[in-house]
């Protein structure tokens, strides 16, 4: 199936000058070298070449408005490999927040993680402890600030957690803001729940039909997701063999 999809993509590009031109522009804008890539590699995050290379997508969307992003929240700070290799109960810092600080020097950064972190010395950076599957804990993010330009979910990578977090936090994305969800193609099966569809399936349905059908959303949250989304874009991870064919790893949801 993947080989067939790749063949159809290549066939379309080679037989249509317009499609080929669009693809070249897409590649140039998305895959060009950028300083966010440099910062990701310097801080050893998995968003750079050592991992999924998601920074190409973040820079693609954020570069034009880099100076106007006032508040960014990242849900999920501790990489599993770091958690397994460390015996610390309180973690000293988050590499991704260091990366964002270099890329967005004046932005207010908010980190959220179920593990405990030391508070940064940076006065414009706050780390909140909480469980992303708990609306009560997610409320702490909203209590800290009511509106965010960018929210990133890089936490549990489980469908219930992703859907609760998206449902609860998307109303607090500012107009024109962007909500990202990482690693949709690597769901944590030990945290999946019977009767809860995969998040990627629900997002594709939302993009095609305008209907959000997660049973974990309240009626008001469902209404907002169905009426206040401008665009949904899907991207692939460059970690592994899927490349551009599947585009099922990272989603960018742009708010009206």
Foldseek 3Di string as FASTA:
>chain_A
DLVVLVVVLVVVLVVDVVNVVVVVVVCCQQVPDDVLLVLCVVLVHLCHPVHFVVVSVVCSQCVVPLQPFAEEEEEAFDDVVNVVVDPDQEAEDGSVVSSVCVSRVRHQYEYEECGHYDADPPPSYGYAHDQLLDLVRVVVVCVVPQAGQEYEYPHQLAQSSVVSNCLNCVVRYDAQGKYKYFFLVDHDPVPYDPPFDRPLVQVVCCQVPLFRDGPNHDPVSRVCSSPFWDHKAFAGTPHDDSHGSPSRGMMMTTTD
